[in-house]
Amino acid sequence: MRLPGRSDARIAAARDVLVAAPLERTLALVRDIELLEPLERKARSVAVHPQGPDSGWYEITGSLARLVPWTGEFFYTQHESGWHS
C-alpha cells in the first residue's frame, strides 16, 4: 500500500498465523534470544551473555531505518512461556 503524497513509502501489514507445534520445541525457539538477529529488522548482530540458567543480558547493534546506527544492552529473564527484557 502506498502512503498518500509519497511515491517511495510503503506500509507492510502482518497477521497472526496459528501453527500447531510441540510445546517444548516452541519454547526452545522463543527462548533463543540469538534469533533476534535474523528476525528483527533493526538488528545486525546480537551477543547474549547469560548470568545464570534463566537470566542475563544481551547486546544488539544495528540501524534504524537502515540509516542511523544504534547499540543497546538489555537484561532478560526467562520464564515458563518465554522471556522478558
N, C-alpha and C. Protein backbone atom coordinates (compact mmCIF):
# COMPACT_ATOMS: atom_id res chain seq x y z
N MET A 1 0.84 -1.16 0.00
CA MET A 1 0.00 0.00 0.00
C MET A 1 0.90 1.23 0.00
N ARG A 2 0.60 2.20 -0.80
CA ARG A 2 1.37 3.44 -0.86
C ARG A 2 0.77 4.47 0.09
N LEU A 3 1.64 5.28 0.66
CA LEU A 3 1.18 6.36 1.53
C LEU A 3 0.75 7.54 0.68
N PRO A 4 -0.31 8.28 1.08
CA PRO A 4 -0.75 9.43 0.30
C PRO A 4 0.36 10.48 0.20
N GLY A 5 0.60 10.96 -1.00
CA GLY A 5 1.59 12.00 -1.21
C GLY A 5 3.03 11.51 -1.24
N ARG A 6 3.27 10.22 -1.10
CA ARG A 6 4.63 9.68 -1.10
C ARG A 6 4.68 8.50 -2.05
N SER A 7 5.45 8.61 -3.09
CA SER A 7 5.55 7.51 -4.03
C SER A 7 6.60 6.48 -3.60
N ASP A 8 7.47 6.85 -2.63
CA ASP A 8 8.56 5.96 -2.25
C ASP A 8 8.31 5.21 -0.94
N ALA A 9 7.21 5.48 -0.26
CA ALA A 9 6.97 4.86 1.05
C ALA A 9 5.93 3.75 0.93
N ARG A 10 6.13 2.71 1.73
CA ARG A 10 5.20 1.58 1.73
C ARG A 10 4.88 1.18 3.16
N ILE A 11 3.74 0.58 3.34
CA ILE A 11 3.34 0.04 4.63
C ILE A 11 3.21 -1.46 4.48
N ALA A 12 3.83 -2.19 5.39
CA ALA A 12 3.71 -3.65 5.38
C ALA A 12 2.69 -4.06 6.44
N ALA A 13 1.82 -4.97 6.10
CA ALA A 13 0.82 -5.47 7.03
C ALA A 13 1.20 -6.87 7.47
N ALA A 14 0.97 -7.17 8.73
CA ALA A 14 1.26 -8.50 9.27
C ALA A 14 -0.02 -9.08 9.87
N ARG A 15 -0.05 -10.38 9.99
CA ARG A 15 -1.20 -11.01 10.63
C ARG A 15 -0.72 -12.21 11.44
N ASP A 16 -1.51 -12.62 12.39
CA ASP A 16 -1.18 -13.78 13.20
C ASP A 16 -1.54 -15.05 12.44
N VAL A 17 -0.68 -16.03 12.57
CA VAL A 17 -0.93 -17.34 11.96
C VAL A 17 -0.77 -18.38 13.06
N LEU A 18 -1.76 -19.21 13.25
CA LEU A 18 -1.71 -20.27 14.26
C LEU A 18 -1.01 -21.48 13.68
N VAL A 19 0.04 -21.93 14.36
CA VAL A 19 0.80 -23.10 13.92
C VAL A 19 0.83 -24.10 15.06
N ALA A 20 0.40 -25.33 14.79
CA ALA A 20 0.45 -26.38 15.81
C ALA A 20 1.87 -26.92 15.89
N ALA A 21 2.44 -26.89 17.10
CA ALA A 21 3.81 -27.38 17.30
C ALA A 21 3.94 -27.88 18.73
N PRO A 22 4.85 -28.81 18.99
CA PRO A 22 5.06 -29.30 20.35
C PRO A 22 5.52 -28.16 21.27
N LEU A 23 5.00 -28.11 22.48
CA LEU A 23 5.31 -27.04 23.43
C LEU A 23 6.80 -26.92 23.69
N GLU A 24 7.50 -28.03 23.91
CA GLU A 24 8.92 -27.97 24.23
C GLU A 24 9.73 -27.33 23.10
N ARG A 25 9.42 -27.69 21.88
CA ARG A 25 10.16 -27.13 20.74
C ARG A 25 9.82 -25.65 20.55
N THR A 26 8.57 -25.31 20.73
CA THR A 26 8.15 -23.91 20.60
C THR A 26 8.85 -23.03 21.64
N LEU A 27 8.87 -23.47 22.90
CA LEU A 27 9.53 -22.69 23.94
C LEU A 27 11.02 -22.59 23.70
N ALA A 28 11.64 -23.64 23.19
CA ALA A 28 13.07 -23.58 22.89
C ALA A 28 13.37 -22.50 21.85
N LEU A 29 12.51 -22.37 20.85
CA LEU A 29 12.69 -21.32 19.84
C LEU A 29 12.45 -19.94 20.42
N VAL A 30 11.39 -19.79 21.20
CA VAL A 30 11.06 -18.49 21.80
C VAL A 30 12.18 -18.04 22.73
N ARG A 31 12.77 -18.96 23.47
CA ARG A 31 13.81 -18.62 24.44
C ARG A 31 15.18 -18.38 23.80
N ASP A 32 15.35 -18.67 22.53
CA ASP A 32 16.64 -18.49 21.86
C ASP A 32 16.78 -17.02 21.45
N ILE A 33 17.35 -16.22 22.34
CA ILE A 33 17.44 -14.77 22.12
C ILE A 33 18.29 -14.43 20.90
N GLU A 34 19.24 -15.29 20.55
CA GLU A 34 20.07 -15.02 19.38
C GLU A 34 19.26 -15.01 18.08
N LEU A 35 18.05 -15.54 18.10
CA LEU A 35 17.19 -15.48 16.91
C LEU A 35 16.72 -14.06 16.60
N LEU A 36 16.96 -13.12 17.52
CA LEU A 36 16.62 -11.73 17.22
C LEU A 36 17.39 -11.22 16.00
N GLU A 37 18.61 -11.70 15.84
CA GLU A 37 19.45 -11.21 14.73
C GLU A 37 18.79 -11.42 13.36
N PRO A 38 18.36 -12.64 13.00
CA PRO A 38 17.74 -12.77 11.68
C PRO A 38 16.28 -12.30 11.63
N LEU A 39 15.62 -12.17 12.77
CA LEU A 39 14.19 -11.84 12.76
C LEU A 39 13.88 -10.37 13.00
N GLU A 40 14.73 -9.64 13.69
CA GLU A 40 14.48 -8.23 13.98
C GLU A 40 15.16 -7.37 12.92
N ARG A 41 14.39 -6.59 12.19
CA ARG A 41 14.92 -5.82 11.07
C ARG A 41 15.99 -4.82 11.48
N LYS A 42 15.90 -4.29 12.71
CA LYS A 42 16.87 -3.29 13.15
C LYS A 42 18.19 -3.91 13.59
N ALA A 43 18.21 -5.20 13.85
CA ALA A 43 19.40 -5.86 14.42
C ALA A 43 20.37 -6.33 13.35
N ARG A 44 21.63 -6.00 13.52
CA ARG A 44 22.68 -6.51 12.64
C ARG A 44 23.48 -7.61 13.34
N SER A 45 23.63 -7.48 14.66
CA SER A 45 24.30 -8.54 15.43
C SER A 45 23.73 -8.58 16.84
N VAL A 46 23.72 -9.78 17.43
CA VAL A 46 23.23 -9.98 18.79
C VAL A 46 24.25 -10.84 19.52
N ALA A 47 24.65 -10.40 20.72
CA ALA A 47 25.56 -11.17 21.57
C ALA A 47 24.86 -11.38 22.91
N VAL A 48 24.65 -12.64 23.29
CA VAL A 48 23.95 -12.98 24.53
C VAL A 48 24.96 -13.34 25.60
N HIS A 49 24.76 -12.81 26.82
CA HIS A 49 25.65 -13.04 27.95
C HIS A 49 24.83 -13.58 29.12
N PRO A 50 24.65 -14.89 29.22
CA PRO A 50 23.87 -15.46 30.33
C PRO A 50 24.58 -15.19 31.67
N GLN A 51 23.78 -14.90 32.71
CA GLN A 51 24.31 -14.74 34.06
C GLN A 51 23.88 -15.91 34.94
N GLY A 52 23.02 -16.73 34.43
CA GLY A 52 22.52 -17.90 35.13
C GLY A 52 21.66 -18.68 34.17
N PRO A 53 21.00 -19.73 34.62
CA PRO A 53 20.19 -20.54 33.71
C PRO A 53 18.96 -19.82 33.14
N ASP A 54 18.46 -18.80 33.85
CA ASP A 54 17.23 -18.12 33.42
C ASP A 54 17.36 -16.62 33.29
N SER A 55 18.56 -16.07 33.30
CA SER A 55 18.70 -14.62 33.20
C SER A 55 20.06 -14.25 32.63
N GLY A 56 20.17 -13.00 32.23
CA GLY A 56 21.41 -12.49 31.68
C GLY A 56 21.16 -11.18 30.98
N TRP A 57 22.03 -10.85 30.05
CA TRP A 57 21.87 -9.63 29.26
C TRP A 57 22.35 -9.89 27.84
N TYR A 58 21.92 -9.03 26.92
CA TYR A 58 22.33 -9.18 25.53
C TYR A 58 22.57 -7.80 24.93
N GLU A 59 23.49 -7.77 23.96
CA GLU A 59 23.83 -6.55 23.24
C GLU A 59 23.32 -6.69 21.81
N ILE A 60 22.75 -5.62 21.31
CA ILE A 60 22.31 -5.60 19.91
C ILE A 60 22.95 -4.39 19.23
N THR A 61 23.48 -4.59 18.04
CA THR A 61 23.90 -3.47 17.20
C THR A 61 23.09 -3.55 15.92
N GLY A 62 22.81 -2.42 15.36
CA GLY A 62 22.02 -2.39 14.14
C GLY A 62 21.84 -0.99 13.63
N SER A 63 20.77 -0.78 12.91
CA SER A 63 20.48 0.55 12.40
C SER A 63 18.97 0.75 12.30
N LEU A 64 18.56 1.97 12.60
CA LEU A 64 17.15 2.35 12.47
C LEU A 64 16.92 2.83 11.05
N ALA A 65 15.93 2.27 10.41
CA ALA A 65 15.60 2.62 9.03
C ALA A 65 16.80 2.47 8.10
N ARG A 66 17.75 1.61 8.49
CA ARG A 66 18.98 1.37 7.72
C ARG A 66 19.82 2.63 7.54
N LEU A 67 19.57 3.65 8.38
CA LEU A 67 20.30 4.91 8.25
C LEU A 67 21.06 5.30 9.51
N VAL A 68 20.45 5.12 10.66
CA VAL A 68 21.01 5.60 11.92
C VAL A 68 21.54 4.41 12.72
N PRO A 69 22.87 4.32 12.90
CA PRO A 69 23.41 3.21 13.68
C PRO A 69 23.02 3.32 15.16
N TRP A 70 22.81 2.19 15.81
CA TRP A 70 22.48 2.19 17.23
C TRP A 70 22.99 0.92 17.88
N THR A 71 23.16 0.99 19.20
CA THR A 71 23.53 -0.18 20.01
C THR A 71 22.69 -0.13 21.27
N GLY A 72 22.36 -1.28 21.79
CA GLY A 72 21.59 -1.35 23.03
C GLY A 72 21.99 -2.56 23.85
N GLU A 73 21.87 -2.42 25.16
CA GLU A 73 22.11 -3.52 26.09
C GLU A 73 20.82 -3.74 26.87
N PHE A 74 20.38 -4.99 26.98
CA PHE A 74 19.11 -5.31 27.60
C PHE A 74 19.28 -6.49 28.56
N PHE A 75 18.68 -6.41 29.72
CA PHE A 75 18.66 -7.53 30.65
C PHE A 75 17.44 -8.38 30.36
N TYR A 76 17.52 -9.68 30.56
CA TYR A 76 16.38 -10.56 30.30
C TYR A 76 16.23 -11.57 31.42
N THR A 77 15.01 -12.05 31.58
CA THR A 77 14.70 -13.19 32.44
C THR A 77 13.81 -14.13 31.65
N GLN A 78 14.06 -15.41 31.77
CA GLN A 78 13.24 -16.40 31.09
C GLN A 78 12.24 -16.99 32.07
N HIS A 79 11.06 -17.34 31.57
CA HIS A 79 10.02 -17.95 32.39
C HIS A 79 9.34 -19.04 31.60
N GLU A 80 8.30 -19.63 32.16
CA GLU A 80 7.69 -20.81 31.53
C GLU A 80 7.09 -20.56 30.16
N SER A 81 6.78 -19.32 29.80
CA SER A 81 6.18 -19.07 28.48
C SER A 81 7.06 -18.24 27.55
N GLY A 82 8.34 -18.07 27.90
CA GLY A 82 9.23 -17.31 27.01
C GLY A 82 10.26 -16.51 27.79
N TRP A 83 10.40 -15.23 27.46
CA TRP A 83 11.34 -14.38 28.17
C TRP A 83 10.87 -12.95 28.17
N HIS A 84 11.43 -12.15 29.06
CA HIS A 84 11.08 -10.73 29.19
C HIS A 84 12.36 -9.94 29.31
N SER A 85 12.42 -8.81 28.60
CA SER A 85 13.59 -7.94 28.74
C SER A 85 13.16 -6.50 28.78
